[in-house]
Amino acid sequence: MTNEHLSNSTIFPLGKKVEANFIGDAYLEMVFTDETPLNTSIGNVTFAPGARNNWHSHAVGQVLLITGGEGWYQEEGTPAQLLKTGDVVNIAPNVKHWHGATADSWFVHLAMTPGQTEWLEPVNDEWYNAL
């Protein structure tokens, strides 16, 4: 999927490039940060092909709503799952995981994240390239 194709299907702005806790080009646009009524932030995250975040966990959990492209989601100790537009991932509290684009597709999701995130080690190239 080309960036041009993806830009025609995205809802929210690309946002600012994020460096910490990501490998490759990833962008974040916070679309909701009010504490009421849900007490959760919602960020639109856009990953260029090959980009991914580090292993991490969320104290309260997280929900990912996939809005464009194709990407990977993996919990520690389980095989990676291919995600496509329209998929929803419900991540339980304190589950170590990572997510990001496939090697040849852009990937966009809304991340609903209440509570704190604990950032851990990067997903190394050898691990990622084996997918």
N, C-alpha and C. Protein backbone atom coordinates (compact mmCIF):
# COMPACT_ATOMS: atom_id res chain seq x y z
N MET A 1 0.85 -1.18 0.00
CA MET A 1 0.00 0.00 0.00
C MET A 1 0.89 1.24 0.00
N THR A 2 0.65 2.14 -0.89
CA THR A 2 1.46 3.34 -0.96
C THR A 2 0.97 4.38 0.04
N ASN A 3 1.85 5.31 0.37
CA ASN A 3 1.48 6.39 1.27
C ASN A 3 0.33 7.20 0.67
N GLU A 4 0.35 7.42 -0.64
CA GLU A 4 -0.73 8.18 -1.29
C GLU A 4 -2.06 7.48 -1.11
N HIS A 5 -2.08 6.17 -1.31
CA HIS A 5 -3.31 5.40 -1.13
C HIS A 5 -3.79 5.50 0.32
N LEU A 6 -2.86 5.37 1.24
CA LEU A 6 -3.22 5.44 2.65
C LEU A 6 -3.75 6.83 3.01
N SER A 7 -3.15 7.88 2.48
CA SER A 7 -3.59 9.24 2.83
C SER A 7 -5.01 9.49 2.37
N ASN A 8 -5.46 8.78 1.34
CA ASN A 8 -6.83 8.93 0.88
C ASN A 8 -7.83 8.20 1.77
N SER A 9 -7.34 7.33 2.67
CA SER A 9 -8.26 6.55 3.49
C SER A 9 -8.15 6.87 4.98
N THR A 10 -7.27 7.78 5.35
CA THR A 10 -7.13 8.09 6.77
C THR A 10 -8.11 9.17 7.19
N ILE A 11 -8.45 9.17 8.46
CA ILE A 11 -9.44 10.09 9.00
C ILE A 11 -8.76 11.26 9.69
N PHE A 12 -7.71 11.01 10.44
CA PHE A 12 -7.06 12.01 11.28
C PHE A 12 -5.73 12.44 10.67
N PRO A 13 -5.23 13.60 11.09
CA PRO A 13 -3.92 14.06 10.59
C PRO A 13 -2.80 13.09 10.94
N LEU A 14 -1.73 13.16 10.15
CA LEU A 14 -0.58 12.28 10.37
C LEU A 14 0.04 12.49 11.75
N GLY A 15 0.10 13.72 12.21
CA GLY A 15 0.68 14.00 13.53
C GLY A 15 2.18 14.19 13.45
N LYS A 16 2.80 14.12 14.62
CA LYS A 16 4.24 14.36 14.73
C LYS A 16 4.99 13.04 14.79
N LYS A 17 6.20 13.05 14.22
CA LYS A 17 7.04 11.86 14.26
C LYS A 17 7.44 11.56 15.70
N VAL A 18 7.35 10.29 16.07
CA VAL A 18 7.77 9.87 17.40
C VAL A 18 9.07 9.11 17.28
N GLU A 19 10.00 9.40 18.19
CA GLU A 19 11.32 8.77 18.15
C GLU A 19 11.48 7.75 19.26
N ALA A 20 11.16 8.16 20.49
CA ALA A 20 11.37 7.29 21.65
C ALA A 20 10.45 6.08 21.57
N ASN A 21 11.00 4.90 21.82
CA ASN A 21 10.27 3.64 21.91
C ASN A 21 9.72 3.11 20.59
N PHE A 22 10.23 3.62 19.47
CA PHE A 22 9.82 3.16 18.14
C PHE A 22 11.05 2.93 17.28
N ILE A 23 10.94 1.99 16.34
CA ILE A 23 11.95 1.76 15.31
C ILE A 23 11.30 2.12 13.99
N GLY A 24 11.98 2.90 13.17
CA GLY A 24 11.42 3.32 11.89
C GLY A 24 10.61 4.59 12.03
N ASP A 25 9.90 4.93 10.97
CA ASP A 25 9.12 6.17 10.94
C ASP A 25 7.71 5.91 11.43
N ALA A 26 7.36 6.52 12.56
CA ALA A 26 6.02 6.41 13.12
C ALA A 26 5.57 7.80 13.56
N TYR A 27 4.28 8.02 13.49
CA TYR A 27 3.71 9.34 13.74
C TYR A 27 2.53 9.21 14.69
N LEU A 28 2.34 10.24 15.53
CA LEU A 28 1.27 10.21 16.53
C LEU A 28 0.49 11.51 16.49
N GLU A 29 -0.82 11.38 16.42
CA GLU A 29 -1.75 12.51 16.55
C GLU A 29 -2.73 12.14 17.66
N MET A 30 -2.64 12.86 18.77
CA MET A 30 -3.59 12.62 19.86
C MET A 30 -4.94 13.21 19.45
N VAL A 31 -5.97 12.37 19.45
CA VAL A 31 -7.29 12.83 19.02
C VAL A 31 -8.26 13.00 20.18
N PHE A 32 -7.91 12.46 21.36
CA PHE A 32 -8.78 12.61 22.53
C PHE A 32 -7.93 12.48 23.80
N THR A 33 -7.99 13.49 24.65
CA THR A 33 -7.20 13.45 25.89
C THR A 33 -8.01 13.87 27.11
N ASP A 34 -9.31 14.10 26.96
CA ASP A 34 -10.14 14.51 28.10
C ASP A 34 -10.27 13.38 29.10
N GLU A 35 -10.23 13.72 30.38
CA GLU A 35 -10.39 12.69 31.42
C GLU A 35 -11.83 12.21 31.53
N THR A 36 -12.79 13.03 31.11
CA THR A 36 -14.20 12.61 31.17
C THR A 36 -14.72 12.45 29.75
N PRO A 37 -15.62 11.56 29.46
CA PRO A 37 -16.24 10.65 30.42
C PRO A 37 -15.52 9.31 30.56
N LEU A 38 -14.55 9.01 29.69
CA LEU A 38 -13.96 7.66 29.66
C LEU A 38 -12.64 7.52 30.39
N ASN A 39 -11.97 8.61 30.69
CA ASN A 39 -10.66 8.57 31.33
C ASN A 39 -9.66 7.71 30.54
N THR A 40 -9.67 7.90 29.22
CA THR A 40 -8.70 7.22 28.36
C THR A 40 -8.26 8.18 27.27
N SER A 41 -7.00 8.12 26.92
CA SER A 41 -6.52 8.88 25.77
C SER A 41 -6.72 8.03 24.52
N ILE A 42 -6.87 8.72 23.38
CA ILE A 42 -6.97 8.03 22.09
C ILE A 42 -5.97 8.69 21.15
N GLY A 43 -5.03 7.88 20.67
CA GLY A 43 -4.02 8.38 19.75
C GLY A 43 -4.14 7.69 18.40
N ASN A 44 -4.01 8.47 17.34
CA ASN A 44 -3.95 7.91 16.00
C ASN A 44 -2.46 7.70 15.68
N VAL A 45 -2.07 6.44 15.50
CA VAL A 45 -0.66 6.11 15.26
C VAL A 45 -0.52 5.60 13.83
N THR A 46 0.42 6.20 13.10
CA THR A 46 0.69 5.81 11.71
C THR A 46 2.12 5.29 11.63
N PHE A 47 2.26 4.07 11.13
CA PHE A 47 3.57 3.43 10.98
C PHE A 47 3.91 3.33 9.49
N ALA A 48 5.10 3.77 9.10
CA ALA A 48 5.60 3.51 7.75
C ALA A 48 5.96 2.03 7.65
N PRO A 49 6.07 1.49 6.43
CA PRO A 49 6.46 0.08 6.30
C PRO A 49 7.72 -0.23 7.13
N GLY A 50 7.66 -1.32 7.88
CA GLY A 50 8.79 -1.75 8.70
C GLY A 50 8.87 -1.09 10.07
N ALA A 51 8.08 -0.07 10.33
CA ALA A 51 8.13 0.61 11.63
C ALA A 51 7.33 -0.17 12.67
N ARG A 52 7.80 -0.10 13.89
CA ARG A 52 7.12 -0.78 15.00
C ARG A 52 7.52 -0.14 16.31
N ASN A 53 6.71 -0.41 17.34
CA ASN A 53 7.08 0.09 18.66
C ASN A 53 7.84 -0.99 19.43
N ASN A 54 8.44 -0.59 20.53
CA ASN A 54 9.13 -1.53 21.42
C ASN A 54 8.11 -2.43 22.11
N TRP A 55 8.61 -3.51 22.68
CA TRP A 55 7.80 -4.29 23.61
C TRP A 55 7.34 -3.35 24.71
N HIS A 56 6.12 -3.54 25.18
CA HIS A 56 5.59 -2.69 26.24
C HIS A 56 4.36 -3.35 26.85
N SER A 57 3.87 -2.78 27.94
CA SER A 57 2.63 -3.23 28.56
C SER A 57 1.88 -2.02 29.09
N HIS A 58 0.61 -2.23 29.36
CA HIS A 58 -0.26 -1.16 29.87
C HIS A 58 -0.90 -1.62 31.17
N ALA A 59 -0.80 -0.79 32.19
CA ALA A 59 -1.32 -1.16 33.52
C ALA A 59 -2.81 -1.46 33.49
N VAL A 60 -3.57 -0.74 32.65
CA VAL A 60 -5.02 -0.92 32.61
C VAL A 60 -5.46 -1.69 31.36
N GLY A 61 -4.56 -1.88 30.41
CA GLY A 61 -4.89 -2.52 29.15
C GLY A 61 -4.93 -1.50 28.03
N GLN A 62 -5.32 -1.95 26.83
CA GLN A 62 -5.38 -1.08 25.66
C GLN A 62 -6.29 -1.71 24.63
N VAL A 63 -6.93 -0.87 23.81
CA VAL A 63 -7.71 -1.35 22.67
C VAL A 63 -7.16 -0.67 21.42
N LEU A 64 -6.88 -1.48 20.39
CA LEU A 64 -6.43 -0.97 19.09
C LEU A 64 -7.56 -1.15 18.08
N LEU A 65 -7.87 -0.07 17.35
CA LEU A 65 -8.87 -0.10 16.28
C LEU A 65 -8.11 0.16 14.98
N ILE A 66 -7.99 -0.85 14.12
CA ILE A 66 -7.17 -0.74 12.92
C ILE A 66 -7.97 -0.01 11.84
N THR A 67 -7.41 1.13 11.36
CA THR A 67 -8.13 1.95 10.40
C THR A 67 -7.50 1.98 9.02
N GLY A 68 -6.30 1.41 8.85
CA GLY A 68 -5.69 1.40 7.54
C GLY A 68 -4.46 0.53 7.46
N GLY A 69 -4.23 -0.04 6.28
CA GLY A 69 -3.01 -0.79 6.02
C GLY A 69 -3.01 -2.17 6.66
N GLU A 70 -1.79 -2.71 6.80
CA GLU A 70 -1.60 -4.02 7.42
C GLU A 70 -0.46 -3.94 8.42
N GLY A 71 -0.62 -4.63 9.54
CA GLY A 71 0.41 -4.61 10.56
C GLY A 71 0.44 -5.88 11.36
N TRP A 72 1.34 -5.90 12.32
CA TRP A 72 1.53 -7.05 13.22
C TRP A 72 1.18 -6.66 14.64
N TYR A 73 0.64 -7.63 15.38
CA TYR A 73 0.46 -7.52 16.82
C TYR A 73 0.96 -8.82 17.41
N GLN A 74 1.78 -8.71 18.47
CA GLN A 74 2.29 -9.93 19.09
C GLN A 74 2.39 -9.76 20.59
N GLU A 75 1.84 -10.76 21.30
CA GLU A 75 2.01 -10.85 22.75
C GLU A 75 3.18 -11.78 23.02
N GLU A 76 3.91 -11.50 24.08
CA GLU A 76 5.06 -12.33 24.43
C GLU A 76 4.62 -13.79 24.56
N GLY A 77 5.38 -14.69 23.93
CA GLY A 77 5.13 -16.12 24.03
C GLY A 77 4.09 -16.64 23.06
N THR A 78 3.55 -15.79 22.17
CA THR A 78 2.56 -16.23 21.19
C THR A 78 3.00 -15.79 19.80
N PRO A 79 2.51 -16.46 18.74
CA PRO A 79 2.86 -16.04 17.38
C PRO A 79 2.27 -14.67 17.06
N ALA A 80 2.93 -13.94 16.17
CA ALA A 80 2.42 -12.64 15.73
C ALA A 80 1.14 -12.83 14.93
N GLN A 81 0.22 -11.87 15.06
CA GLN A 81 -1.05 -11.88 14.32
C GLN A 81 -1.02 -10.78 13.28
N LEU A 82 -1.41 -11.11 12.05
CA LEU A 82 -1.52 -10.11 10.99
C LEU A 82 -2.82 -9.34 11.20
N LEU A 83 -2.72 -8.01 11.21
CA LEU A 83 -3.89 -7.14 11.41
C LEU A 83 -4.19 -6.39 10.12
N LYS A 84 -5.48 -6.22 9.84
CA LYS A 84 -5.92 -5.50 8.65
C LYS A 84 -7.00 -4.50 9.05
N THR A 85 -7.29 -3.58 8.14
CA THR A 85 -8.31 -2.56 8.36
C THR A 85 -9.60 -3.21 8.88
N GLY A 86 -10.13 -2.65 9.95
CA GLY A 86 -11.37 -3.15 10.56
C GLY A 86 -11.15 -4.08 11.72
N ASP A 87 -9.93 -4.56 11.94
CA ASP A 87 -9.66 -5.44 13.08
C ASP A 87 -9.65 -4.63 14.37
N VAL A 88 -9.98 -5.30 15.46
CA VAL A 88 -9.95 -4.72 16.80
C VAL A 88 -9.15 -5.66 17.69
N VAL A 89 -8.22 -5.09 18.48
CA VAL A 89 -7.42 -5.90 19.40
C VAL A 89 -7.68 -5.39 20.82
N ASN A 90 -8.10 -6.30 21.70
CA ASN A 90 -8.34 -5.98 23.10
C ASN A 90 -7.18 -6.56 23.91
N ILE A 91 -6.34 -5.69 24.46
CA ILE A 91 -5.12 -6.11 25.15
C ILE A 91 -5.36 -6.03 26.66
N ALA A 92 -5.20 -7.15 27.33
CA ALA A 92 -5.44 -7.22 28.77
C ALA A 92 -4.37 -6.44 29.54
N PRO A 93 -4.67 -6.05 30.77
CA PRO A 93 -3.69 -5.34 31.59
C PRO A 93 -2.40 -6.13 31.76
N ASN A 94 -1.28 -5.41 31.74
CA ASN A 94 0.05 -5.95 32.03
C ASN A 94 0.50 -7.08 31.10
N VAL A 95 -0.02 -7.12 29.87
CA VAL A 95 0.41 -8.11 28.88
C VAL A 95 1.51 -7.47 28.02
N LYS A 96 2.69 -8.10 28.02
CA LYS A 96 3.82 -7.60 27.23
C LYS A 96 3.55 -7.89 25.75
N HIS A 97 3.65 -6.83 24.91
CA HIS A 97 3.31 -6.96 23.50
C HIS A 97 4.00 -5.86 22.69
N TRP A 98 3.87 -5.95 21.38
CA TRP A 98 4.29 -4.89 20.46
C TRP A 98 3.36 -4.90 19.26
N HIS A 99 3.36 -3.79 18.50
CA HIS A 99 2.60 -3.71 17.27
C HIS A 99 3.29 -2.76 16.31
N GLY A 100 3.05 -2.97 15.01
CA GLY A 100 3.66 -2.13 14.00
C GLY A 100 3.31 -2.60 12.61
N ALA A 101 3.83 -1.90 11.60
CA ALA A 101 3.53 -2.18 10.21
C ALA A 101 4.19 -3.46 9.73
N THR A 102 3.64 -4.04 8.67
CA THR A 102 4.35 -5.10 7.97
C THR A 102 5.52 -4.47 7.22
N ALA A 103 6.37 -5.29 6.65
CA ALA A 103 7.55 -4.79 5.94
C ALA A 103 7.19 -3.99 4.70
N ASP A 104 6.01 -4.25 4.11
CA ASP A 104 5.67 -3.60 2.84
C ASP A 104 4.36 -2.83 2.84
N SER A 105 3.83 -2.51 4.01
CA SER A 105 2.58 -1.75 4.07
C SER A 105 2.64 -0.69 5.16
N TRP A 106 2.00 0.43 4.91
CA TRP A 106 1.72 1.39 5.97
C TRP A 106 0.68 0.76 6.89
N PHE A 107 0.56 1.26 8.11
CA PHE A 107 -0.35 0.69 9.11
C PHE A 107 -0.82 1.83 10.01
N VAL A 108 -2.13 1.93 10.18
CA VAL A 108 -2.69 2.99 11.01
C VAL A 108 -3.68 2.39 12.00
N HIS A 109 -3.57 2.80 13.27
CA HIS A 109 -4.57 2.38 14.25
C HIS A 109 -4.85 3.50 15.24
N LEU A 110 -6.04 3.44 15.80
CA LEU A 110 -6.38 4.26 16.96
C LEU A 110 -6.06 3.42 18.18
N ALA A 111 -5.33 4.00 19.12
CA ALA A 111 -4.95 3.31 20.35
C ALA A 111 -5.67 3.98 21.52
N MET A 112 -6.56 3.24 22.15
CA MET A 112 -7.26 3.71 23.35
C MET A 112 -6.48 3.19 24.55
N THR A 113 -5.86 4.13 25.28
CA THR A 113 -4.91 3.74 26.31
C THR A 113 -5.17 4.46 27.62
N PRO A 114 -5.96 3.86 28.52
CA PRO A 114 -6.08 4.44 29.86
C PRO A 114 -4.87 4.05 30.70
N GLY A 115 -4.53 4.84 31.66
CA GLY A 115 -3.45 4.47 32.58
C GLY A 115 -2.07 4.58 31.95
N GLN A 116 -1.11 3.99 32.64
CA GLN A 116 0.31 4.12 32.30
C GLN A 116 0.78 3.02 31.34
N THR A 117 1.80 3.38 30.54
CA THR A 117 2.48 2.43 29.66
C THR A 117 3.88 2.20 30.19
N GLU A 118 4.28 0.94 30.26
CA GLU A 118 5.66 0.61 30.63
C GLU A 118 6.40 0.19 29.37
N TRP A 119 7.36 1.01 28.94
CA TRP A 119 8.14 0.72 27.73
C TRP A 119 9.31 -0.19 28.06
N LEU A 120 9.54 -1.17 27.17
CA LEU A 120 10.57 -2.19 27.39
C LEU A 120 11.53 -2.21 26.20
N GLU A 121 12.17 -3.34 25.95
CA GLU A 121 13.22 -3.44 24.93
C GLU A 121 12.65 -3.38 23.51
N PRO A 122 13.48 -2.97 22.54
CA PRO A 122 13.04 -2.95 21.14
C PRO A 122 12.77 -4.35 20.59
N VAL A 123 11.92 -4.42 19.58
CA VAL A 123 11.73 -5.63 18.79
C VAL A 123 12.85 -5.62 17.77
N ASN A 124 13.83 -6.51 17.93
CA ASN A 124 15.03 -6.42 17.08
C ASN A 124 14.73 -6.86 15.65
N ASP A 125 15.62 -6.46 14.74
CA ASP A 125 15.42 -6.72 13.32
C ASP A 125 15.33 -8.21 13.02
N GLU A 126 16.15 -9.02 13.67
CA GLU A 126 16.13 -10.46 13.41
C GLU A 126 14.75 -11.05 13.73
N TRP A 127 14.18 -10.66 14.88
CA TRP A 127 12.86 -11.13 15.30
C TRP A 127 11.80 -10.66 14.31
N TYR A 128 11.85 -9.36 13.98
CA TYR A 128 10.85 -8.77 13.07
C TYR A 128 10.94 -9.37 11.69
N ASN A 129 12.16 -9.50 11.14
CA ASN A 129 12.34 -9.99 9.78
C ASN A 129 11.96 -11.46 9.63
N ALA A 130 11.84 -12.19 10.73
CA ALA A 130 11.45 -13.60 10.68
C ALA A 130 9.93 -13.76 10.47
N LEU A 131 9.19 -12.67 10.58
CA LEU A 131 7.72 -12.75 10.43
C LEU A 131 7.34 -13.00 8.98
